[in-house]
Structures are given as C-alpha cells and as structure tokens.
Amino acid sequence: MGADNWRRCPKCLKVENSKREAEIERVSNQYGKIPVAEFTRAAAAAEKPIVLGETLREDYELGINDNGEYEVSFSASCQKCGFKFNHSHSEMSIF
C-alpha cells in the first residue's frame, strides 16, 4: 500500500534546529575574535534555512466497518530517525 502523505519529520526538524542554534551561538562567540570577512561568511552559513526531505510517511484510514462502528486510524514513521506515532479511535455510530 502507498503512503497517504509524506512530509518533513518533526523530530528531525527539532534536531536540525538545535544544531543550527548551536552553530549560530558558536559563530556569535567568534565576533571580534576573527577577521570580519571570515565572521561574515560563517554567520551567513549558520543562518542558512534548514532543508529537509520529506521522510515522514503518514498513513490513515477512516470509515464505518460492517458492524456499524466508526473507525479512524493514523500512523506516522520517519525513515531517517525512526520516529513513530500511532493513534486510533472507534465508536458506535447511531443508526
């Protein structure tokens, strides 16, 4: 079965944000200690936007089964970091 959706993984994004913040802090600490041109290059590199592929696969189903029970299920998993999330809910429909 194919995936219902692909998107950026929130866990991978959090890790990359932490790395980026640490690099910005490291470069900021170099202000006045390294040549201006070198600082400018390092600062520009640290401020680059985070580019992540869509590694989070999302699958979902919803509907009423043969017993008249409404069911919803959602699962997500990241191929890169192994993040997983599952959720399901069901309840009897009124008929």
C-alpha atoms as a PDB file:
ATOM      1  CA  MET A   1       0.000   0.000   0.000  1.00  0.00           C
ATOM      2  CA  GLY A   2       1.266   3.510  -0.796  1.00  0.00           C
ATOM      3  CA  ALA A   3       1.595   6.247   1.774  1.00  0.00           C
ATOM      4  CA  ASP A   4      -1.278   8.687   2.133  1.00  0.00           C
ATOM      5  CA  ASN A   5       1.116  11.577   2.690  1.00  0.00           C
ATOM      6  CA  TRP A   6       4.807  12.447   3.026  1.00  0.00           C
ATOM      7  CA  ARG A   7       6.132  15.420   4.975  1.00  0.00           C
ATOM      8  CA  ARG A   8       9.086  16.710   6.989  1.00  0.00           C
ATOM      9  CA  CYS A   9       9.622  14.845  10.250  1.00  0.00           C
ATOM     10  CA  PRO A  10       9.077  16.984  13.389  1.00  0.00           C
ATOM     11  CA  LYS A  11      11.780  15.088  15.295  1.00  0.00           C
ATOM     12  CA  CYS A  12      14.354  15.538  12.515  1.00  0.00           C
ATOM     13  CA  LEU A  13      13.411  19.218  12.279  1.00  0.00           C
ATOM     14  CA  LYS A  14      13.905  19.664  16.033  1.00  0.00           C
ATOM     15  CA  VAL A  15      17.364  18.051  15.841  1.00  0.00           C
ATOM     16  CA  GLU A  16      18.365  20.236  12.888  1.00  0.00           C
ATOM     17  CA  ASN A  17      17.062  23.367  14.651  1.00  0.00           C
ATOM     18  CA  SER A  18      19.184  22.515  17.708  1.00  0.00           C
ATOM     19  CA  LYS A  19      22.277  22.048  15.540  1.00  0.00           C
ATOM     20  CA  ARG A  20      21.593  25.336  13.753  1.00  0.00           C
ATOM     21  CA  GLU A  21      21.119  27.237  17.041  1.00  0.00           C
ATOM     22  CA  ALA A  22      24.358  25.776  18.413  1.00  0.00           C
ATOM     23  CA  GLU A  23      26.225  26.843  15.266  1.00  0.00           C
ATOM     24  CA  ILE A  24      24.756  30.367  15.446  1.00  0.00           C
ATOM     25  CA  GLU A  25      25.878  30.568  19.088  1.00  0.00           C
ATOM     26  CA  ARG A  26      29.356  29.282  18.204  1.00  0.00           C
ATOM     27  CA  VAL A  27      29.729  31.842  15.414  1.00  0.00           C
ATOM     28  CA  SER A  28      28.371  34.653  17.624  1.00  0.00           C
ATOM     29  CA  ASN A  29      31.062  33.872  20.177  1.00  0.00           C
ATOM     30  CA  GLN A  30      33.684  34.447  17.460  1.00  0.00           C
ATOM     31  CA  TYR A  31      32.598  38.078  16.936  1.00  0.00           C
ATOM     32  CA  GLY A  32      35.609  40.361  17.249  1.00  0.00           C
ATOM     33  CA  LYS A  33      37.978  37.400  17.549  1.00  0.00           C
ATOM     34  CA  ILE A  34      38.266  36.509  13.864  1.00  0.00           C
ATOM     35  CA  PRO A  35      38.601  38.658  10.714  1.00  0.00           C
ATOM     36  CA  VAL A  36      35.395  40.402   9.583  1.00  0.00           C
ATOM     37  CA  ALA A  37      35.224  38.566   6.243  1.00  0.00           C
ATOM     38  CA  GLU A  38      35.588  35.194   7.951  1.00  0.00           C
ATOM     39  CA  PHE A  39      32.929  36.096  10.528  1.00  0.00           C
ATOM     40  CA  THR A  40      30.547  37.313   7.815  1.00  0.00           C
ATOM     41  CA  ARG A  41      30.926  34.044   5.855  1.00  0.00           C
ATOM     42  CA  ALA A  42      30.462  31.914   8.986  1.00  0.00           C
ATOM     43  CA  ALA A  43      27.418  33.922  10.092  1.00  0.00           C
ATOM     44  CA  ALA A  44      25.805  33.612   6.651  1.00  0.00           C
ATOM     45  CA  ALA A  45      26.429  29.847   6.630  1.00  0.00           C
ATOM     46  CA  ALA A  46      24.957  29.439  10.131  1.00  0.00           C
ATOM     47  CA  GLU A  47      21.815  31.385   9.167  1.00  0.00           C
ATOM     48  CA  LYS A  48      21.015  29.242   6.123  1.00  0.00           C
ATOM     49  CA  PRO A  49      17.493  27.805   6.142  1.00  0.00           C
ATOM     50  CA  ILE A  50      17.110  24.190   7.177  1.00  0.00           C
ATOM     51  CA  VAL A  51      16.488  21.922   4.209  1.00  0.00           C
ATOM     52  CA  LEU A  52      14.957  18.553   4.999  1.00  0.00           C
ATOM     53  CA  GLY A  53      13.452  15.981   2.728  1.00  0.00           C
ATOM     54  CA  GLU A  54      10.012  14.536   3.274  1.00  0.00           C
ATOM     55  CA  THR A  55      10.967  11.414   5.233  1.00  0.00           C
ATOM     56  CA  LEU A  56       7.870  11.139   7.452  1.00  0.00           C
ATOM     57  CA  ARG A  57       5.321   8.731   5.994  1.00  0.00           C
ATOM     58  CA  GLU A  58       1.720   9.241   7.113  1.00  0.00           C
ATOM     59  CA  ASP A  59      -0.996   6.649   6.629  1.00  0.00           C
ATOM     60  CA  TYR A  60      -4.608   6.986   7.675  1.00  0.00           C
ATOM     61  CA  GLU A  61      -7.959   5.295   7.297  1.00  0.00           C
ATOM     62  CA  LEU A  62     -11.448   6.246   8.310  1.00  0.00           C
ATOM     63  CA  GLY A  63     -14.888   4.830   7.771  1.00  0.00           C
ATOM     64  CA  ILE A  64     -17.658   2.660   9.132  1.00  0.00           C
ATOM     65  CA  ASN A  65     -16.993  -1.079   9.353  1.00  0.00           C
ATOM     66  CA  ASP A  66     -19.517  -3.883   8.790  1.00  0.00           C
ATOM     67  CA  ASN A  67     -20.561  -3.754  12.463  1.00  0.00           C
ATOM     68  CA  GLY A  68     -21.596  -0.101  12.168  1.00  0.00           C
ATOM     69  CA  GLU A  69     -18.615   1.097  14.164  1.00  0.00           C
ATOM     70  CA  TYR A  70     -16.881   4.304  13.012  1.00  0.00           C
ATOM     71  CA  GLU A  71     -13.095   3.886  12.960  1.00  0.00           C
ATOM     72  CA  VAL A  72     -10.235   6.321  12.470  1.00  0.00           C
ATOM     73  CA  SER A  73      -6.581   5.327  12.453  1.00  0.00           C
ATOM     74  CA  PHE A  74      -3.422   7.320  11.812  1.00  0.00           C
ATOM     75  CA  SER A  75       0.205   6.272  11.825  1.00  0.00           C
ATOM     76  CA  ALA A  76       3.420   8.098  11.014  1.00  0.00           C
ATOM     77  CA  SER A  77       7.012   6.926  10.828  1.00  0.00           C
ATOM     78  CA  CYS A  78      10.267   8.560   9.751  1.00  0.00           C
ATOM     79  CA  GLN A  79      12.661   6.652   7.515  1.00  0.00           C
ATOM     80  CA  LYS A  80      15.601   8.772   8.714  1.00  0.00           C
ATOM     81  CA  CYS A  81      15.378   8.915  12.533  1.00  0.00           C
ATOM     82  CA  GLY A  82      12.897   6.156  13.364  1.00  0.00           C
ATOM     83  CA  PHE A  83      10.255   8.443  14.921  1.00  0.00           C
ATOM     84  CA  LYS A  84       6.877   6.679  15.162  1.00  0.00           C
ATOM     85  CA  PHE A  85       3.394   7.770  16.126  1.00  0.00           C
ATOM     86  CA  ASN A  86       0.132   5.811  16.107  1.00  0.00           C
ATOM     87  CA  HIS A  87      -3.399   6.829  17.006  1.00  0.00           C
ATOM     88  CA  SER A  88      -6.755   5.136  16.562  1.00  0.00           C
ATOM     89  CA  HIS A  89     -10.298   5.726  17.717  1.00  0.00           C
ATOM     90  CA  SER A  90     -13.575   3.921  17.223  1.00  0.00           C
ATOM     91  CA  GLU A  91     -17.122   4.385  18.400  1.00  0.00           C
ATOM     92  CA  MET A  92     -20.511   3.004  17.609  1.00  0.00           C
ATOM     93  CA  SER A  93     -22.467   5.019  15.105  1.00  0.00           C
ATOM     94  CA  ILE A  94     -26.116   5.747  15.735  1.00  0.00           C
ATOM     95  CA  PHE A  95     -28.469   4.117  13.259  1.00  0.00           C
END
